[in-house]
Amino acid sequence: MEVISRNATQLCDLYGITEIDINALHDFKPVAIEEIPKMVESWYKWLKTTAEFQEYFADPSTLHRVQKLQLSFWEEFFDADINDQYVATRKSVGEVHARIGLSQEIYLAGVDHFLSLFIEILLAQDWDREKIDRIRRALNKIVHMDMTIIVQSYEHVVNQKITAQSKTLMAMSTPVTQLWDGLLLLPVVGLIDSRRAQDIMDNTLNHISQHHAQSFILDISGVAVVDTAVANHLIKITKATKLMGCECIISGLSPAVAQTIVELGIDVGTIKTTANLKAAIEIAFEKLNMKIVKQ
C-alpha cells in the first residue's frame, strides 16, 4: 500500500508518530519559527547558484510567492496538526513540483538543508539531552513522512504523464484510416509485441464497429520482423475482424516474411494475403462491387 493512499491516522501509525512527538515539535516551535525566515533566505542564496533558480525562480514575484508558501509549510509542520488536510497539502507540493518539472534532486537537497539547520539550532539549545533527543526523533519522523508523501505524489503525476504519452504514441502507431465507405486501412510500422497487437486489435474492432466496415487491410510492409508470436497475433486479428463481419486482408508480405511463415509451420488457413497494398485494395474494392478505372 502506497504512502499517498493512506490517511493521516494510518501515516502516523506507519511512522510511529505519537503525542510525544507532537509535543516535542511544539516545544521546539518557538525557537524554530524565529529562525525559519533566515533559513529560507540562506536556502535561496544557495539555490541562486543552480540552473534551476533561473528556470523557475528568476521572476521576483514568483520567488516572493514561493518563499511565502515555504514559510507557511514549515509553520504548519511545527503546528504538527497531522490530519487529512495536512496530508493533502503535502501531496499538493509534490504534484506542483511534478507539473512545473522541478527536479527531485533540488527538493531533496532542500529537505536536507532545512533538517540540518534545524538539528544545528536544536543542538545549540541549553536543554537536557533527553529533551533534545526527543525533539530530534520527532523532527526525523515527520520530515521523512512529509518527504515520502511529496516524492510519491510527484512520481504519481509523472507516471500519469507517461501513461498518457504512451497512449498517445500507441494511438499514433495504430492509425486506422477509412479509405472508402466500408473499407479501412492500417499500415503497421516497426515491431509488434503482445501489447501493441492488443492495441491494434482494440483499435481495429472499434473502427470496424463505428464505420460498419466490410473490408480491412492490414499492411505489414513496414514490420521488420515476423516470428511465431507476431504471426499468431496477426492471425488473431484477422479472426476477430471476421467475427465482426469484416474481411481482413494482410498486405505487404515480402518474400522473406512469406518464407519465414512457411518455415515456422504456421497455418494461415483462409487468411487473404497479398504482396503489396495495391493488390489488397483491388481485392477489397471487388468485394465492395467497385473497381478502379483509368480515365
C-alpha atoms as a PDB file:
ATOM      1  CA  MET A   1       0.000   0.000   0.000  1.00  0.00           C
ATOM      2  CA  GLU A   2       1.495   3.310  -1.092  1.00  0.00           C
ATOM      3  CA  VAL A   3       2.019   6.063   1.457  1.00  0.00           C
ATOM      4  CA  ILE A   4      -0.103   8.527  -0.537  1.00  0.00           C
ATOM      5  CA  SER A   5      -3.093   6.189  -0.375  1.00  0.00           C
ATOM      6  CA  ARG A   6      -3.093   6.244   3.445  1.00  0.00           C
ATOM      7  CA  ASN A   7      -4.984   8.705   5.633  1.00  0.00           C
ATOM      8  CA  ALA A   8      -3.400  10.779   8.421  1.00  0.00           C
ATOM      9  CA  THR A   9      -4.058   8.216  11.161  1.00  0.00           C
ATOM     10  CA  GLN A  10      -2.562   5.399   9.101  1.00  0.00           C
ATOM     11  CA  LEU A  11       0.502   7.514   8.304  1.00  0.00           C
ATOM     12  CA  CYS A  12       1.092   8.326  11.960  1.00  0.00           C
ATOM     13  CA  ASP A  13       0.860   4.634  12.770  1.00  0.00           C
ATOM     14  CA  LEU A  14       3.250   3.768   9.932  1.00  0.00           C
ATOM     15  CA  TYR A  15       5.895   6.272  11.028  1.00  0.00           C
ATOM     16  CA  GLY A  16       5.349   5.766  14.750  1.00  0.00           C
ATOM     17  CA  ILE A  17       4.313   9.368  15.303  1.00  0.00           C
ATOM     18  CA  THR A  18       2.742   9.769  18.758  1.00  0.00           C
ATOM     19  CA  GLU A  19       1.619  12.551  21.075  1.00  0.00           C
ATOM     20  CA  ILE A  20       5.147  12.562  22.476  1.00  0.00           C
ATOM     21  CA  ASP A  21       6.465  13.568  19.034  1.00  0.00           C
ATOM     22  CA  ILE A  22       3.749  16.189  18.545  1.00  0.00           C
ATOM     23  CA  ASN A  23       4.527  17.753  21.927  1.00  0.00           C
ATOM     24  CA  ALA A  24       8.247  17.640  21.158  1.00  0.00           C
ATOM     25  CA  LEU A  25       7.706  19.748  17.996  1.00  0.00           C
ATOM     26  CA  HIS A  26       5.532  22.136  19.963  1.00  0.00           C
ATOM     27  CA  ASP A  27       8.394  22.578  22.442  1.00  0.00           C
ATOM     28  CA  PHE A  28      10.816  23.366  19.620  1.00  0.00           C
ATOM     29  CA  LYS A  29       8.405  25.549  17.617  1.00  0.00           C
ATOM     30  CA  PRO A  30       9.096  28.962  19.271  1.00  0.00           C
ATOM     31  CA  VAL A  31      12.841  28.636  18.624  1.00  0.00           C
ATOM     32  CA  ALA A  32      12.495  27.161  15.120  1.00  0.00           C
ATOM     33  CA  ILE A  33       9.864  29.607  13.845  1.00  0.00           C
ATOM     34  CA  GLU A  34      12.076  32.534  14.753  1.00  0.00           C
ATOM     35  CA  GLU A  35      14.900  31.107  12.623  1.00  0.00           C
ATOM     36  CA  ILE A  36      12.890  29.914   9.606  1.00  0.00           C
ATOM     37  CA  PRO A  37      12.973  33.227   7.642  1.00  0.00           C
ATOM     38  CA  LYS A  38      16.782  33.241   7.855  1.00  0.00           C
ATOM     39  CA  MET A  39      16.863  29.575   6.810  1.00  0.00           C
ATOM     40  CA  VAL A  40      14.666  30.286   3.774  1.00  0.00           C
ATOM     41  CA  GLU A  41      16.922  33.192   2.834  1.00  0.00           C
ATOM     42  CA  SER A  42      20.063  31.045   3.088  1.00  0.00           C
ATOM     43  CA  TRP A  43      18.417  28.283   1.031  1.00  0.00           C
ATOM     44  CA  TYR A  44      17.602  30.606  -1.854  1.00  0.00           C
ATOM     45  CA  LYS A  45      21.051  32.160  -1.633  1.00  0.00           C
ATOM     46  CA  TRP A  46      22.441  28.695  -2.412  1.00  0.00           C
ATOM     47  CA  LEU A  47      19.713  27.978  -4.966  1.00  0.00           C
ATOM     48  CA  LYS A  48      20.745  31.068  -6.966  1.00  0.00           C
ATOM     49  CA  THR A  49      23.949  29.233  -7.872  1.00  0.00           C
ATOM     50  CA  THR A  50      21.979  26.494  -9.675  1.00  0.00           C
ATOM     51  CA  ALA A  51      20.445  26.384 -13.163  1.00  0.00           C
ATOM     52  CA  GLU A  52      17.053  25.584 -11.602  1.00  0.00           C
ATOM     53  CA  PHE A  53      16.869  29.016  -9.978  1.00  0.00           C
ATOM     54  CA  GLN A  54      16.976  30.832 -13.319  1.00  0.00           C
ATOM     55  CA  GLU A  55      14.462  28.405 -14.782  1.00  0.00           C
ATOM     56  CA  TYR A  56      11.852  28.509 -12.005  1.00  0.00           C
ATOM     57  CA  PHE A  57      12.513  31.465  -9.688  1.00  0.00           C
ATOM     58  CA  ALA A  58      14.069  34.235 -11.780  1.00  0.00           C
ATOM     59  CA  ASP A  59      10.839  36.248 -11.663  1.00  0.00           C
ATOM     60  CA  PRO A  60      10.828  38.253  -8.376  1.00  0.00           C
ATOM     61  CA  SER A  61       7.058  37.907  -7.869  1.00  0.00           C
ATOM     62  CA  THR A  62       7.253  34.125  -8.298  1.00  0.00           C
ATOM     63  CA  LEU A  63      10.189  33.944  -5.886  1.00  0.00           C
ATOM     64  CA  HIS A  64       8.340  36.010  -3.272  1.00  0.00           C
ATOM     65  CA  ARG A  65       5.213  33.856  -3.565  1.00  0.00           C
ATOM     66  CA  VAL A  66       7.178  30.594  -3.266  1.00  0.00           C
ATOM     67  CA  GLN A  67       9.092  31.878  -0.243  1.00  0.00           C
ATOM     68  CA  LYS A  68       5.808  32.754   1.497  1.00  0.00           C
ATOM     69  CA  LEU A  69       4.492  29.273   0.737  1.00  0.00           C
ATOM     70  CA  GLN A  70       7.660  27.777   2.177  1.00  0.00           C
ATOM     71  CA  LEU A  71       7.243  29.756   5.400  1.00  0.00           C
ATOM     72  CA  SER A  72       3.640  28.532   5.653  1.00  0.00           C
ATOM     73  CA  PHE A  73       4.805  24.969   5.003  1.00  0.00           C
ATOM     74  CA  TRP A  74       7.177  24.983   7.970  1.00  0.00           C
ATOM     75  CA  GLU A  75       4.734  26.792  10.249  1.00  0.00           C
ATOM     76  CA  GLU A  76       2.212  24.043   9.509  1.00  0.00           C
ATOM     77  CA  PHE A  77       4.951  21.477  10.125  1.00  0.00           C
ATOM     78  CA  PHE A  78       5.597  22.757  13.666  1.00  0.00           C
ATOM     79  CA  ASP A  79       1.884  23.061  14.407  1.00  0.00           C
ATOM     80  CA  ALA A  80       2.022  19.263  13.919  1.00  0.00           C
ATOM     81  CA  ASP A  81      -1.726  19.013  13.451  1.00  0.00           C
ATOM     82  CA  ILE A  82      -1.414  15.909  11.289  1.00  0.00           C
ATOM     83  CA  ASN A  83      -4.856  15.431   9.798  1.00  0.00           C
ATOM     84  CA  ASP A  84      -6.082  14.656   6.277  1.00  0.00           C
ATOM     85  CA  GLN A  85      -5.792  18.337   5.292  1.00  0.00           C
ATOM     86  CA  TYR A  86      -2.144  18.291   6.373  1.00  0.00           C
ATOM     87  CA  VAL A  87      -1.550  15.221   4.179  1.00  0.00           C
ATOM     88  CA  ALA A  88      -3.391  16.839   1.240  1.00  0.00           C
ATOM     89  CA  THR A  89      -1.128  19.897   1.486  1.00  0.00           C
ATOM     90  CA  ARG A  90       1.958  17.689   1.256  1.00  0.00           C
ATOM     91  CA  LYS A  91       0.515  15.830  -1.723  1.00  0.00           C
ATOM     92  CA  SER A  92      -0.163  19.156  -3.421  1.00  0.00           C
ATOM     93  CA  VAL A  93       3.501  20.159  -3.043  1.00  0.00           C
ATOM     94  CA  GLY A  94       4.632  17.012  -4.858  1.00  0.00           C
ATOM     95  CA  GLU A  95       2.032  17.477  -7.586  1.00  0.00           C
ATOM     96  CA  VAL A  96       3.105  21.087  -8.200  1.00  0.00           C
ATOM     97  CA  HIS A  97       6.775  20.088  -8.354  1.00  0.00           C
ATOM     98  CA  ALA A  98       5.935  17.428 -10.951  1.00  0.00           C
ATOM     99  CA  ARG A  99       3.801  19.744 -13.088  1.00  0.00           C
ATOM    100  CA  ILE A 100       6.424  22.506 -13.263  1.00  0.00           C
ATOM    101  CA  GLY A 101       9.203  19.951 -13.731  1.00  0.00           C
ATOM    102  CA  LEU A 102      11.219  20.839 -10.617  1.00  0.00           C
ATOM    103  CA  SER A 103      13.756  18.065 -10.097  1.00  0.00           C
ATOM    104  CA  GLN A 104      13.567  15.702  -7.153  1.00  0.00           C
ATOM    105  CA  GLU A 105      17.253  16.401  -6.525  1.00  0.00           C
ATOM    106  CA  ILE A 106      16.566  20.059  -5.748  1.00  0.00           C
ATOM    107  CA  TYR A 107      13.647  19.214  -3.467  1.00  0.00           C
ATOM    108  CA  LEU A 108      15.654  16.568  -1.564  1.00  0.00           C
ATOM    109  CA  ALA A 109      18.584  18.973  -1.268  1.00  0.00           C
ATOM    110  CA  GLY A 110      16.165  21.476   0.265  1.00  0.00           C
ATOM    111  CA  VAL A 111      14.886  18.916   2.782  1.00  0.00           C
ATOM    112  CA  ASP A 112      18.445  18.074   3.779  1.00  0.00           C
ATOM    113  CA  HIS A 113      19.312  21.785   4.074  1.00  0.00           C
ATOM    114  CA  PHE A 114      16.428  22.598   6.411  1.00  0.00           C
ATOM    115  CA  LEU A 115      16.718  19.437   8.505  1.00  0.00           C
ATOM    116  CA  SER A 116      20.443  20.027   9.023  1.00  0.00           C
ATOM    117  CA  LEU A 117      19.814  23.613  10.126  1.00  0.00           C
ATOM    118  CA  PHE A 118      17.013  22.555  12.488  1.00  0.00           C
ATOM    119  CA  ILE A 119      19.325  19.989  14.101  1.00  0.00           C
ATOM    120  CA  GLU A 120      22.084  22.590  14.355  1.00  0.00           C
ATOM    121  CA  ILE A 121      19.715  25.027  16.084  1.00  0.00           C
ATOM    122  CA  LEU A 122      18.404  22.276  18.343  1.00  0.00           C
ATOM    123  CA  LEU A 123      21.881  21.228  19.491  1.00  0.00           C
ATOM    124  CA  ALA A 124      22.693  24.856  20.314  1.00  0.00           C
ATOM    125  CA  GLN A 125      19.877  24.995  22.903  1.00  0.00           C
ATOM    126  CA  ASP A 126      20.670  24.756  26.609  1.00  0.00           C
ATOM    127  CA  TRP A 127      18.310  21.820  27.127  1.00  0.00           C
ATOM    128  CA  ASP A 128      18.826  18.427  28.719  1.00  0.00           C
ATOM    129  CA  ARG A 129      19.907  15.560  26.482  1.00  0.00           C
ATOM    130  CA  GLU A 130      16.624  13.696  26.810  1.00  0.00           C
ATOM    131  CA  LYS A 131      14.604  16.659  25.512  1.00  0.00           C
ATOM    132  CA  ILE A 132      16.984  17.242  22.609  1.00  0.00           C
ATOM    133  CA  ASP A 133      16.860  13.561  21.614  1.00  0.00           C
ATOM    134  CA  ARG A 134      13.062  13.551  21.815  1.00  0.00           C
ATOM    135  CA  ILE A 135      12.790  16.600  19.533  1.00  0.00           C
ATOM    136  CA  ARG A 136      15.362  15.181  17.142  1.00  0.00           C
ATOM    137  CA  ARG A 137      13.431  11.907  16.801  1.00  0.00           C
ATOM    138  CA  ALA A 138      10.205  13.831  16.185  1.00  0.00           C
ATOM    139  CA  LEU A 139      11.868  16.001  13.510  1.00  0.00           C
ATOM    140  CA  ASN A 140      13.229  12.948  11.697  1.00  0.00           C
ATOM    141  CA  LYS A 141       9.929  11.045  11.790  1.00  0.00           C
ATOM    142  CA  ILE A 142       7.738  13.842  10.471  1.00  0.00           C
ATOM    143  CA  VAL A 143      10.273  15.171   7.942  1.00  0.00           C
ATOM    144  CA  HIS A 144      10.630  11.678   6.480  1.00  0.00           C
ATOM    145  CA  MET A 145       6.867  11.194   6.386  1.00  0.00           C
ATOM    146  CA  ASP A 146       6.403  14.533   4.593  1.00  0.00           C
ATOM    147  CA  MET A 147       9.237  13.736   2.204  1.00  0.00           C
ATOM    148  CA  THR A 148       7.773  10.352   1.262  1.00  0.00           C
ATOM    149  CA  ILE A 149       4.297  11.838   0.651  1.00  0.00           C
ATOM    150  CA  ILE A 150       5.750  14.568  -1.567  1.00  0.00           C
ATOM    151  CA  VAL A 151       8.055  12.230  -3.526  1.00  0.00           C
ATOM    152  CA  GLN A 152       5.312   9.640  -4.123  1.00  0.00           C
ATOM    153  CA  SER A 153       2.845  12.346  -5.194  1.00  0.00           C
ATOM    154  CA  TYR A 154       5.483  13.644  -7.601  1.00  0.00           C
ATOM    155  CA  GLU A 155       6.023  10.149  -9.025  1.00  0.00           C
ATOM    156  CA  HIS A 156       2.265   9.585  -9.305  1.00  0.00           C
ATOM    157  CA  VAL A 157       1.842  12.679 -11.510  1.00  0.00           C
ATOM    158  CA  VAL A 158       4.914  11.761 -13.598  1.00  0.00           C
ATOM    159  CA  ASN A 159       3.582   8.217 -14.104  1.00  0.00           C
ATOM    160  CA  GLN A 160       0.212   9.622 -15.175  1.00  0.00           C
ATOM    161  CA  LYS A 161       2.006  11.768 -17.769  1.00  0.00           C
ATOM    162  CA  ILE A 162       3.989   8.773 -19.024  1.00  0.00           C
ATOM    163  CA  THR A 163       0.827   6.667 -19.281  1.00  0.00           C
ATOM    164  CA  ALA A 164      -0.965   9.429 -21.216  1.00  0.00           C
ATOM    165  CA  GLN A 165       2.020   9.838 -23.551  1.00  0.00           C
ATOM    166  CA  SER A 166       2.185   6.070 -24.088  1.00  0.00           C
ATOM    167  CA  LYS A 167      -1.491   6.006 -25.004  1.00  0.00           C
ATOM    168  CA  THR A 168      -0.925   8.861 -27.449  1.00  0.00           C
ATOM    169  CA  LEU A 169       2.042   7.071 -29.023  1.00  0.00           C
ATOM    170  CA  MET A 170       0.033   3.858 -29.230  1.00  0.00           C
ATOM    171  CA  ALA A 171      -2.789   5.723 -30.967  1.00  0.00           C
ATOM    172  CA  MET A 172      -0.260   7.204 -33.394  1.00  0.00           C
ATOM    173  CA  SER A 173       1.245   3.752 -34.000  1.00  0.00           C
ATOM    174  CA  THR A 174      -2.159   2.236 -34.862  1.00  0.00           C
ATOM    175  CA  PRO A 175      -3.642   4.830 -37.255  1.00  0.00           C
ATOM    176  CA  VAL A 176      -6.720   3.110 -38.720  1.00  0.00           C
ATOM    177  CA  THR A 177      -7.842   5.098 -41.766  1.00  0.00           C
ATOM    178  CA  GLN A 178     -11.079   4.926 -43.730  1.00  0.00           C
ATOM    179  CA  LEU A 179     -10.085   4.641 -47.398  1.00  0.00           C
ATOM    180  CA  TRP A 180     -13.651   4.344 -48.651  1.00  0.00           C
ATOM    181  CA  ASP A 181     -17.094   3.619 -47.322  1.00  0.00           C
ATOM    182  CA  GLY A 182     -16.782   0.128 -45.852  1.00  0.00           C
ATOM    183  CA  LEU A 183     -13.002  -0.064 -46.317  1.00  0.00           C
ATOM    184  CA  LEU A 184     -10.391   0.517 -43.590  1.00  0.00           C
ATOM    185  CA  LEU A 185      -6.592   0.519 -43.764  1.00  0.00           C
ATOM    186  CA  LEU A 186      -3.989   0.135 -41.033  1.00  0.00           C
ATOM    187  CA  PRO A 187      -0.318   0.406 -42.065  1.00  0.00           C
ATOM    188  CA  VAL A 188       1.870  -1.101 -39.329  1.00  0.00           C
ATOM    189  CA  VAL A 189       5.479   0.031 -38.952  1.00  0.00           C
ATOM    190  CA  GLY A 190       8.109  -1.295 -36.544  1.00  0.00           C
ATOM    191  CA  LEU A 191       7.876  -4.155 -34.087  1.00  0.00           C
ATOM    192  CA  ILE A 192       4.720  -5.894 -32.903  1.00  0.00           C
ATOM    193  CA  ASP A 193       4.642  -7.206 -29.345  1.00  0.00           C
ATOM    194  CA  SER A 194       1.701  -8.542 -27.323  1.00  0.00           C
ATOM    195  CA  ARG A 195       0.707  -5.124 -26.015  1.00  0.00           C
ATOM    196  CA  ARG A 196       0.822  -3.427 -29.401  1.00  0.00           C
ATOM    197  CA  ALA A 197      -1.028  -6.343 -31.010  1.00  0.00           C
ATOM    198  CA  GLN A 198      -3.816  -5.925 -28.454  1.00  0.00           C
ATOM    199  CA  ASP A 199      -3.947  -2.178 -29.133  1.00  0.00           C
ATOM    200  CA  ILE A 200      -4.140  -2.878 -32.881  1.00  0.00           C
ATOM    201  CA  MET A 201      -6.980  -5.321 -32.317  1.00  0.00           C
ATOM    202  CA  ASP A 202      -8.911  -2.991 -29.988  1.00  0.00           C
ATOM    203  CA  ASN A 203      -8.491  -0.004 -32.294  1.00  0.00           C
ATOM    204  CA  THR A 204      -9.363  -2.015 -35.377  1.00  0.00           C
ATOM    205  CA  LEU A 205     -12.529  -3.577 -33.933  1.00  0.00           C
ATOM    206  CA  ASN A 206     -13.702  -0.187 -32.652  1.00  0.00           C
ATOM    207  CA  HIS A 207     -13.277   1.362 -36.117  1.00  0.00           C
ATOM    208  CA  ILE A 208     -14.999  -1.590 -37.802  1.00  0.00           C
ATOM    209  CA  SER A 209     -17.958  -1.094 -35.490  1.00  0.00           C
ATOM    210  CA  GLN A 210     -18.035   2.691 -35.981  1.00  0.00           C
ATOM    211  CA  HIS A 211     -17.726   2.623 -39.771  1.00  0.00           C
ATOM    212  CA  HIS A 212     -19.622  -0.638 -40.451  1.00  0.00           C
ATOM    213  CA  ALA A 213     -16.607  -1.761 -42.458  1.00  0.00           C
ATOM    214  CA  GLN A 214     -16.801  -4.802 -44.721  1.00  0.00           C
ATOM    215  CA  SER A 215     -13.108  -4.971 -45.570  1.00  0.00           C
ATOM    216  CA  PHE A 216      -9.999  -4.218 -43.565  1.00  0.00           C
ATOM    217  CA  ILE A 217      -6.460  -4.073 -44.941  1.00  0.00           C
ATOM    218  CA  LEU A 218      -3.580  -4.688 -42.542  1.00  0.00           C
ATOM    219  CA  ASP A 219      -0.410  -3.593 -44.307  1.00  0.00           C
ATOM    220  CA  ILE A 220       2.728  -5.064 -42.704  1.00  0.00           C
ATOM    221  CA  SER A 221       5.290  -3.964 -45.266  1.00  0.00           C
ATOM    222  CA  GLY A 222       6.868  -1.839 -42.525  1.00  0.00           C
ATOM    223  CA  VAL A 223       7.104  -4.643 -39.966  1.00  0.00           C
ATOM    224  CA  ALA A 224      10.756  -5.502 -39.504  1.00  0.00           C
ATOM    225  CA  VAL A 225      10.466  -8.978 -38.011  1.00  0.00           C
ATOM    226  CA  VAL A 226       7.767 -11.648 -38.285  1.00  0.00           C
ATOM    227  CA  ASP A 227       8.257 -14.573 -35.926  1.00  0.00           C
ATOM    228  CA  THR A 228       5.821 -17.113 -34.489  1.00  0.00           C
ATOM    229  CA  ALA A 229       4.449 -14.648 -31.912  1.00  0.00           C
ATOM    230  CA  VAL A 230       3.892 -11.881 -34.490  1.00  0.00           C
ATOM    231  CA  ALA A 231       2.279 -14.281 -36.960  1.00  0.00           C
ATOM    232  CA  ASN A 232      -0.071 -15.583 -34.266  1.00  0.00           C
ATOM    233  CA  HIS A 233      -1.001 -12.014 -33.340  1.00  0.00           C
ATOM    234  CA  LEU A 234      -1.846 -11.297 -36.993  1.00  0.00           C
ATOM    235  CA  ILE A 235      -3.975 -14.436 -37.222  1.00  0.00           C
ATOM    236  CA  LYS A 236      -5.888 -13.469 -34.074  1.00  0.00           C
ATOM    237  CA  ILE A 237      -6.573 -10.018 -35.515  1.00  0.00           C
ATOM    238  CA  THR A 238      -7.931 -11.459 -38.774  1.00  0.00           C
ATOM    239  CA  LYS A 239     -10.157 -13.918 -36.883  1.00  0.00           C
ATOM    240  CA  ALA A 240     -11.506 -11.163 -34.646  1.00  0.00           C
ATOM    241  CA  THR A 241     -12.354  -8.943 -37.624  1.00  0.00           C
ATOM    242  CA  LYS A 242     -14.120 -11.886 -39.290  1.00  0.00           C
ATOM    243  CA  LEU A 243     -16.326 -12.309 -36.219  1.00  0.00           C
ATOM    244  CA  MET A 244     -17.298  -8.651 -36.725  1.00  0.00           C
ATOM    245  CA  GLY A 245     -18.418  -9.475 -40.285  1.00  0.00           C
ATOM    246  CA  CYS A 246     -15.398  -7.822 -41.833  1.00  0.00           C
ATOM    247  CA  GLU A 247     -12.894  -9.489 -44.146  1.00  0.00           C
ATOM    248  CA  CYS A 248      -9.240  -8.873 -43.308  1.00  0.00           C
ATOM    249  CA  ILE A 249      -6.559  -8.744 -45.991  1.00  0.00           C
ATOM    250  CA  ILE A 250      -2.907  -8.754 -44.968  1.00  0.00           C
ATOM    251  CA  SER A 251      -0.778  -6.910 -47.479  1.00  0.00           C
ATOM    252  CA  GLY A 252       2.930  -6.223 -47.778  1.00  0.00           C
ATOM    253  CA  LEU A 253       4.193  -9.766 -47.289  1.00  0.00           C
ATOM    254  CA  SER A 254       7.764  -9.780 -48.519  1.00  0.00           C
ATOM    255  CA  PRO A 255       9.382 -12.971 -49.842  1.00  0.00           C
ATOM    256  CA  ALA A 256      11.411 -13.192 -46.634  1.00  0.00           C
ATOM    257  CA  VAL A 257       8.328 -12.894 -44.430  1.00  0.00           C
ATOM    258  CA  ALA A 258       6.431 -15.458 -46.521  1.00  0.00           C
ATOM    259  CA  GLN A 259       9.353 -17.863 -46.266  1.00  0.00           C
ATOM    260  CA  THR A 260       9.595 -17.307 -42.506  1.00  0.00           C
ATOM    261  CA  ILE A 261       5.908 -18.128 -42.035  1.00  0.00           C
ATOM    262  CA  VAL A 262       6.306 -21.326 -44.058  1.00  0.00           C
ATOM    263  CA  GLU A 263       9.459 -22.348 -42.172  1.00  0.00           C
ATOM    264  CA  LEU A 264       7.704 -21.761 -38.848  1.00  0.00           C
ATOM    265  CA  GLY A 265       4.908 -24.066 -39.981  1.00  0.00           C
ATOM    266  CA  ILE A 266       2.231 -21.509 -39.165  1.00  0.00           C
ATOM    267  CA  ASP A 267      -1.186 -22.331 -40.608  1.00  0.00           C
ATOM    268  CA  VAL A 268      -2.592 -19.144 -42.070  1.00  0.00           C
ATOM    269  CA  GLY A 269      -5.751 -21.002 -43.105  1.00  0.00           C
ATOM    270  CA  THR A 270      -8.126 -18.939 -45.211  1.00  0.00           C
ATOM    271  CA  ILE A 271      -6.446 -15.607 -44.477  1.00  0.00           C
ATOM    272  CA  LYS A 272      -6.143 -13.470 -47.585  1.00  0.00           C
ATOM    273  CA  THR A 273      -2.662 -12.110 -48.215  1.00  0.00           C
ATOM    274  CA  THR A 274      -1.083 -10.002 -50.932  1.00  0.00           C
ATOM    275  CA  ALA A 275       2.433  -8.922 -51.749  1.00  0.00           C
ATOM    276  CA  ASN A 276       1.548  -5.225 -51.911  1.00  0.00           C
ATOM    277  CA  LEU A 277      -1.061  -2.686 -50.888  1.00  0.00           C
ATOM    278  CA  LYS A 278      -2.286  -2.103 -54.440  1.00  0.00           C
ATOM    279  CA  ALA A 279      -3.382  -5.723 -54.805  1.00  0.00           C
ATOM    280  CA  ALA A 280      -5.105  -5.639 -51.421  1.00  0.00           C
ATOM    281  CA  ILE A 281      -7.081  -2.517 -52.359  1.00  0.00           C
ATOM    282  CA  GLU A 282      -8.172  -4.140 -55.623  1.00  0.00           C
ATOM    283  CA  ILE A 283      -9.461  -7.209 -53.734  1.00  0.00           C
ATOM    284  CA  ALA A 284     -11.274  -5.021 -51.216  1.00  0.00           C
ATOM    285  CA  PHE A 285     -12.886  -2.899 -53.953  1.00  0.00           C
ATOM    286  CA  GLU A 286     -14.029  -6.050 -55.723  1.00  0.00           C
ATOM    287  CA  LYS A 287     -15.739  -7.199 -52.518  1.00  0.00           C
ATOM    288  CA  LEU A 288     -17.457  -3.789 -52.364  1.00  0.00           C
ATOM    289  CA  ASN A 289     -18.536  -4.203 -56.025  1.00  0.00           C
ATOM    290  CA  MET A 290     -16.255  -1.375 -57.071  1.00  0.00           C
ATOM    291  CA  LYS A 291     -13.242  -1.106 -59.306  1.00  0.00           C
ATOM    292  CA  ILE A 292     -10.601   1.439 -60.230  1.00  0.00           C
ATOM    293  CA  VAL A 293     -10.986   2.686 -63.815  1.00  0.00           C
ATOM    294  CA  LYS A 294      -8.483   4.802 -65.723  1.00  0.00           C
ATOM    295  CA  GLN A 295      -9.994   7.864 -67.326  1.00  0.00           C
END
